[in-house]
């Protein structure tokens, strides 16, 4: 497994994220800052089971790392991991080995560079009460992820009816944006500490296909980055679409703790057939 420590400060917020070797916790703590600074410290110890894999540089839409299925099959299900703002493709990949063995696991890097080893799916302003997204960049990333799924199909023989998205924070937002607008491409989304962008809602169709989308929502009640009301409002919204999401709250902050990860794994296992 990898050990990596990431510390970053973004647009008025100081965020600390740590993942230990056994992936017992992923913790973000927030505090007020008066300036924009970015510091990334990454210590990586890759096991021989971890494998970097890139499409041809000229054709690549997104950089990514991959874990091949542990349980071999002709066409495995695919799960794409989407990191939060200021992080990179190695972040959520730290718990890839804990995900069900049948999955082809791909962890993608956001296309916008914030600093060394620091990326985003779009720029965001955290200096106001509610985070403000660069909606033009968010829309470009939504389309890029959709095309990325098609591009992966050129290299890997996965079951295209079994595509899952799993994201944390900004990656969770992108999981909503892709899954809710393209349920023909995605079977299920796991959104951890995220929200639905208002700009995406007009693009969401109200039809039988959207009702078939499986949704897992986890959120800390003490989240100081994206408050718990975002998760509750998103859960209420998907119910209006006819989606009965698995919704879980935890007495924690902007984080993926072990309970959240265990609930995610149980949910994924319940959907595999």
Protein backbone atom coordinates (compact mmCIF):
# COMPACT_ATOMS: atom_id res chain seq x y z
CA UNK A 1 0.00 0.00 0.00
CA UNK A 2 0.95 3.64 -0.36
CA UNK A 3 1.43 6.13 2.40
CA UNK A 4 0.87 9.68 1.36
CA UNK A 5 0.33 12.87 3.27
CA UNK A 6 -1.35 15.80 1.60
CA UNK A 7 -1.65 19.27 3.09
CA UNK A 8 -3.18 22.11 1.16
CA UNK A 9 -4.71 25.51 1.66
CA UNK A 10 -7.18 26.73 -0.93
CA UNK A 11 -8.97 30.05 -1.35
CA UNK A 12 -9.58 30.94 2.28
CA UNK A 13 -9.62 27.46 3.77
CA UNK A 14 -6.85 25.36 5.33
CA UNK A 15 -7.46 21.67 4.69
CA UNK A 16 -5.51 18.73 6.01
CA UNK A 17 -5.92 15.29 4.52
CA UNK A 18 -4.11 12.19 5.74
CA UNK A 19 -4.36 8.56 4.70
CA UNK A 20 -2.49 5.96 6.73
CA UNK A 21 -1.02 2.76 5.21
CA UNK A 22 -3.95 0.60 6.32
CA UNK A 23 -6.42 3.27 5.16
CA UNK A 24 -7.97 3.47 8.61
CA UNK A 25 -8.95 7.08 8.11
CA UNK A 26 -9.04 9.95 5.68
CA UNK A 27 -9.37 13.20 7.57
CA UNK A 28 -9.82 16.81 6.55
CA UNK A 29 -9.77 19.57 9.14
CA UNK A 30 -10.60 23.13 8.26
CA UNK A 31 -9.64 26.56 9.63
CA UNK A 32 -9.77 30.12 8.33
CA UNK A 33 -6.89 31.49 6.29
CA UNK A 34 -6.33 34.98 4.92
CA UNK A 35 -4.45 34.04 1.80
CA UNK A 36 -4.29 31.49 -0.95
CA UNK A 37 -1.45 29.03 -0.45
CA UNK A 38 -0.84 25.54 -1.65
CA UNK A 39 1.49 22.99 -0.09
CA UNK A 40 1.61 19.40 -1.17
CA UNK A 41 3.67 16.77 0.62
CA UNK A 42 3.37 13.27 -0.76
CA UNK A 43 5.25 10.23 0.51
CA UNK A 44 4.47 7.18 -1.61
CA UNK A 45 5.45 3.58 -1.15
CA UNK A 46 3.87 1.63 -3.96
CA UNK A 47 3.33 -2.11 -3.61
CA UNK A 48 4.10 -4.36 -6.55
CA UNK A 49 0.36 -4.85 -6.96
CA UNK A 50 -0.10 -1.16 -7.78
CA UNK A 51 0.28 -0.38 -11.43
CA UNK A 52 0.44 2.97 -13.23
CA UNK A 53 -1.18 2.91 -16.62
CA UNK A 54 -1.61 5.71 -19.13
CA UNK A 55 -3.14 5.89 -22.57
CA UNK A 56 -0.90 7.28 -25.29
CA UNK A 57 0.04 10.80 -24.27
CA UNK A 58 -1.25 12.30 -27.51
CA UNK A 59 -4.67 10.68 -27.02
CA UNK A 60 -5.09 10.68 -23.23
CA UNK A 61 -8.07 12.56 -21.87
CA UNK A 62 -7.14 12.01 -18.21
CA UNK A 63 -4.14 10.55 -16.43
CA UNK A 64 -5.05 7.59 -14.25
CA UNK A 65 -3.82 4.64 -12.22
CA UNK A 66 -5.46 1.23 -12.35
CA UNK A 67 -5.97 -1.88 -10.25
CA UNK A 68 -6.78 -4.89 -12.36
CA UNK A 69 -9.60 -7.15 -11.11
CA UNK A 70 -8.46 -9.60 -8.44
CA UNK A 71 -11.22 -11.98 -9.52
CA UNK A 72 -10.81 -12.53 -13.23
CA UNK A 73 -13.81 -12.49 -15.56
CA UNK A 74 -14.42 -11.82 -19.22
CA UNK A 75 -15.96 -8.40 -18.67
CA UNK A 76 -15.51 -7.04 -15.15
CA UNK A 77 -17.45 -4.10 -13.71
CA UNK A 78 -15.61 -0.76 -13.81
CA UNK A 79 -15.35 1.74 -10.96
CA UNK A 80 -13.80 5.16 -11.57
CA UNK A 81 -12.52 7.07 -8.52
CA UNK A 82 -12.64 10.88 -8.61
CA UNK A 83 -10.56 12.85 -6.11
CA UNK A 84 -11.32 16.16 -4.40
CA UNK A 85 -9.92 19.61 -5.12
CA UNK A 86 -6.20 19.98 -4.48
CA UNK A 87 -5.52 16.24 -4.60
CA UNK A 88 -4.63 13.77 -7.35
CA UNK A 89 -5.33 10.32 -8.75
CA UNK A 90 -3.26 8.57 -6.06
CA UNK A 91 -5.49 9.78 -3.23
CA UNK A 92 -8.62 7.59 -3.36
CA UNK A 93 -6.53 4.91 -5.04
CA UNK A 94 -5.08 4.30 -1.58
CA UNK A 95 -8.14 2.22 -0.71
CA UNK A 96 -8.41 0.51 -4.10
CA UNK A 97 -7.26 -2.82 -2.67
CA UNK A 98 -10.17 -2.78 -0.23
CA UNK A 99 -12.78 -2.49 -2.98
CA UNK A 100 -14.50 -5.68 -4.17
CA UNK A 101 -12.10 -7.88 -6.13
CA UNK A 102 -14.33 -8.17 -9.17
CA UNK A 103 -13.88 -4.48 -10.06
CA UNK A 104 -11.50 -2.97 -12.57
CA UNK A 105 -10.53 0.09 -10.52
CA UNK A 106 -9.45 3.28 -12.31
CA UNK A 107 -8.52 6.41 -10.38
CA UNK A 108 -8.47 9.52 -12.56
CA UNK A 109 -6.68 12.84 -12.21
CA UNK A 110 -8.57 16.13 -12.58
CA UNK A 111 -7.54 18.13 -15.66
CA UNK A 112 -6.92 21.51 -13.96
CA UNK A 113 -3.52 22.09 -12.34
CA UNK A 114 -3.47 23.95 -9.02
CA UNK A 115 0.16 23.24 -8.14
CA UNK A 116 2.70 20.40 -7.90
CA UNK A 117 0.75 17.11 -7.68
CA UNK A 118 -2.39 19.15 -7.03
CA UNK A 119 -5.34 19.06 -9.41
CA UNK A 120 -9.02 19.88 -9.65
CA UNK A 121 -12.05 19.13 -11.80
CA UNK A 122 -12.74 22.88 -11.78
CA UNK A 123 -11.62 25.95 -9.88
CA UNK A 124 -13.75 26.95 -6.90
CA UNK A 125 -14.00 30.02 -4.69
CA UNK A 126 -14.29 29.21 -0.96
CA UNK A 127 -14.09 32.81 0.27
CA UNK A 128 -17.88 33.20 0.30
CA UNK A 129 -20.39 31.47 2.59
CA UNK A 130 -21.28 28.96 -0.12
CA UNK A 131 -18.54 27.64 -2.46
CA UNK A 132 -18.74 29.08 -5.97
CA UNK A 133 -17.82 26.74 -8.81
CA UNK A 134 -16.36 27.69 -12.17
CA UNK A 135 -19.32 26.20 -14.00
CA UNK A 136 -17.70 26.37 -17.44
CA UNK A 137 -14.79 24.24 -16.23
CA UNK A 138 -17.16 21.91 -14.37
CA UNK A 139 -19.13 21.32 -17.55
CA UNK A 140 -15.95 20.63 -19.52
CA UNK A 141 -14.90 18.08 -16.91
CA UNK A 142 -18.33 16.45 -16.98
CA UNK A 143 -18.00 15.91 -20.73
CA UNK A 144 -14.38 14.79 -20.38
CA UNK A 145 -15.31 12.08 -17.85
CA UNK A 146 -18.06 10.82 -20.17
CA UNK A 147 -15.59 10.62 -23.06
CA UNK A 148 -13.00 9.06 -20.74
CA UNK A 149 -15.36 6.15 -20.07
CA UNK A 150 -15.58 5.55 -23.82
CA UNK A 151 -11.81 5.87 -24.18
CA UNK A 152 -11.17 3.29 -21.46
CA UNK A 153 -13.34 0.90 -23.44
CA UNK A 154 -10.75 0.99 -26.21
CA UNK A 155 -8.15 -0.51 -23.86
CA UNK A 156 -10.06 -2.58 -21.31
CA UNK A 157 -12.76 -5.19 -21.83
CA UNK A 158 -15.12 -4.15 -19.02
CA UNK A 159 -18.90 -4.51 -18.84
CA UNK A 160 -20.24 -1.16 -20.06
CA UNK A 161 -23.55 -1.82 -18.29
CA UNK A 162 -21.64 -2.00 -15.00
CA UNK A 163 -19.90 1.40 -14.76
CA UNK A 164 -19.67 2.97 -11.30
CA UNK A 165 -18.40 6.40 -10.27
CA UNK A 166 -17.10 7.05 -6.76
CA UNK A 167 -15.98 10.50 -5.69
CA UNK A 168 -15.01 12.52 -2.64
CA UNK A 169 -15.84 16.23 -2.25
CA UNK A 170 -15.37 17.80 -5.71
CA UNK A 171 -15.07 14.30 -7.14
CA UNK A 172 -18.44 13.51 -5.55
CA UNK A 173 -19.90 16.59 -7.23
CA UNK A 174 -18.61 15.33 -10.58
CA UNK A 175 -20.09 11.88 -9.87
CA UNK A 176 -23.49 13.54 -9.46
CA UNK A 177 -22.97 15.63 -12.60
CA UNK A 178 -22.09 12.66 -14.80
CA UNK A 179 -24.38 10.04 -13.29
CA UNK A 180 -27.53 12.15 -13.14
CA UNK A 181 -27.15 13.49 -16.68
CA UNK A 182 -25.94 10.25 -18.30
CA UNK A 183 -27.61 7.31 -16.55
CA UNK A 184 -27.28 5.49 -19.86
CA UNK A 185 -23.51 5.45 -19.24
CA UNK A 186 -23.41 4.90 -15.49
CA UNK A 187 -25.11 2.27 -13.36
CA UNK A 188 -24.29 3.70 -9.93
CA UNK A 189 -22.63 6.62 -8.17
CA UNK A 190 -21.12 6.86 -4.70
CA UNK A 191 -20.95 10.46 -3.48
CA UNK A 192 -18.93 11.15 -0.36
CA UNK A 193 -19.14 14.65 1.08
CA UNK A 194 -20.51 16.23 -2.09
CA UNK A 195 -23.42 18.19 -3.52
CA UNK A 196 -25.37 18.67 -6.75
CA UNK A 197 -24.50 21.76 -8.77
CA UNK A 198 -27.60 23.83 -9.52
CA UNK A 199 -26.38 24.35 -13.09
CA UNK A 200 -26.58 20.60 -13.71
CA UNK A 201 -30.24 20.19 -12.74
CA UNK A 202 -31.71 21.51 -16.04
CA UNK A 203 -29.76 18.78 -17.88
CA UNK A 204 -31.25 15.94 -15.83
CA UNK A 205 -33.98 13.98 -17.57
CA UNK A 206 -36.97 12.68 -15.61
CA UNK A 207 -37.45 9.25 -17.12
CA UNK A 208 -37.29 5.55 -16.32
CA UNK A 209 -33.54 5.45 -16.96
CA UNK A 210 -32.77 7.96 -14.22
CA UNK A 211 -34.91 5.95 -11.79
CA UNK A 212 -32.63 2.95 -12.34
CA UNK A 213 -29.51 4.85 -11.21
CA UNK A 214 -28.15 3.53 -7.90
CA UNK A 215 -26.90 6.20 -5.48
CA UNK A 216 -24.87 6.01 -2.26
CA UNK A 217 -24.53 9.21 -0.21
CA UNK A 218 -22.25 9.57 2.81
CA UNK A 219 -21.60 12.82 4.67
CA UNK A 220 -20.28 13.99 8.03
CA UNK A 221 -22.67 16.01 10.18
CA UNK A 222 -19.73 18.18 11.30
CA UNK A 223 -18.47 18.92 7.78
CA UNK A 224 -17.12 22.48 7.69
CA UNK A 225 -16.20 22.45 4.00
CA UNK A 226 -19.49 21.28 2.48
CA UNK A 227 -22.13 21.40 5.22
CA UNK A 228 -24.46 18.48 5.87
CA UNK A 229 -27.42 20.37 4.40
CA UNK A 230 -25.94 19.80 0.93
CA UNK A 231 -26.20 16.02 1.39
CA UNK A 232 -29.73 16.21 2.78
CA UNK A 233 -30.89 18.48 -0.03
CA UNK A 234 -29.28 16.22 -2.64
CA UNK A 235 -30.95 13.17 -1.13
CA UNK A 236 -34.33 14.93 -1.24
CA UNK A 237 -33.71 15.97 -4.85
CA UNK A 238 -32.85 12.47 -6.11
CA UNK A 239 -35.96 11.16 -4.35
CA UNK A 240 -37.97 13.57 -6.50
CA UNK A 241 -36.36 11.90 -9.51
CA UNK A 242 -37.61 8.53 -8.31
CA UNK A 243 -34.25 7.40 -6.93
CA UNK A 244 -34.20 5.74 -3.52
CA UNK A 245 -30.62 6.49 -2.47
CA UNK A 246 -28.69 4.80 0.31
CA UNK A 247 -28.16 7.79 2.59
CA UNK A 248 -25.85 7.76 5.60
CA UNK A 249 -24.74 10.45 8.03
CA UNK A 250 -21.78 10.17 10.39
CA UNK A 251 -20.68 12.27 13.40
CA UNK A 252 -17.55 13.42 11.62
CA UNK A 253 -16.15 16.16 9.40
CA UNK A 254 -15.10 16.44 5.75
CA UNK A 255 -13.68 12.96 5.68
CA UNK A 256 -13.81 9.34 4.64
CA UNK A 257 -13.49 7.35 7.85
CA UNK A 258 -13.41 3.60 8.23
CA UNK A 259 -17.15 3.32 8.87
CA UNK A 260 -17.89 5.25 5.68
CA UNK A 261 -15.54 3.08 3.68
CA UNK A 262 -17.02 -0.11 5.11
CA UNK A 263 -20.55 1.06 4.26
CA UNK A 264 -19.40 1.94 0.74
CA UNK A 265 -17.89 -1.53 0.25
CA UNK A 266 -21.04 -3.23 1.54
CA UNK A 267 -23.15 -1.14 -0.83
CA UNK A 268 -20.93 -2.03 -3.80
CA UNK A 269 -21.10 -5.72 -2.96
CA UNK A 270 -24.91 -5.52 -2.78
CA UNK A 271 -25.05 -4.26 -6.38
CA UNK A 272 -22.74 -6.80 -7.97
CA UNK A 273 -24.41 -9.69 -9.76
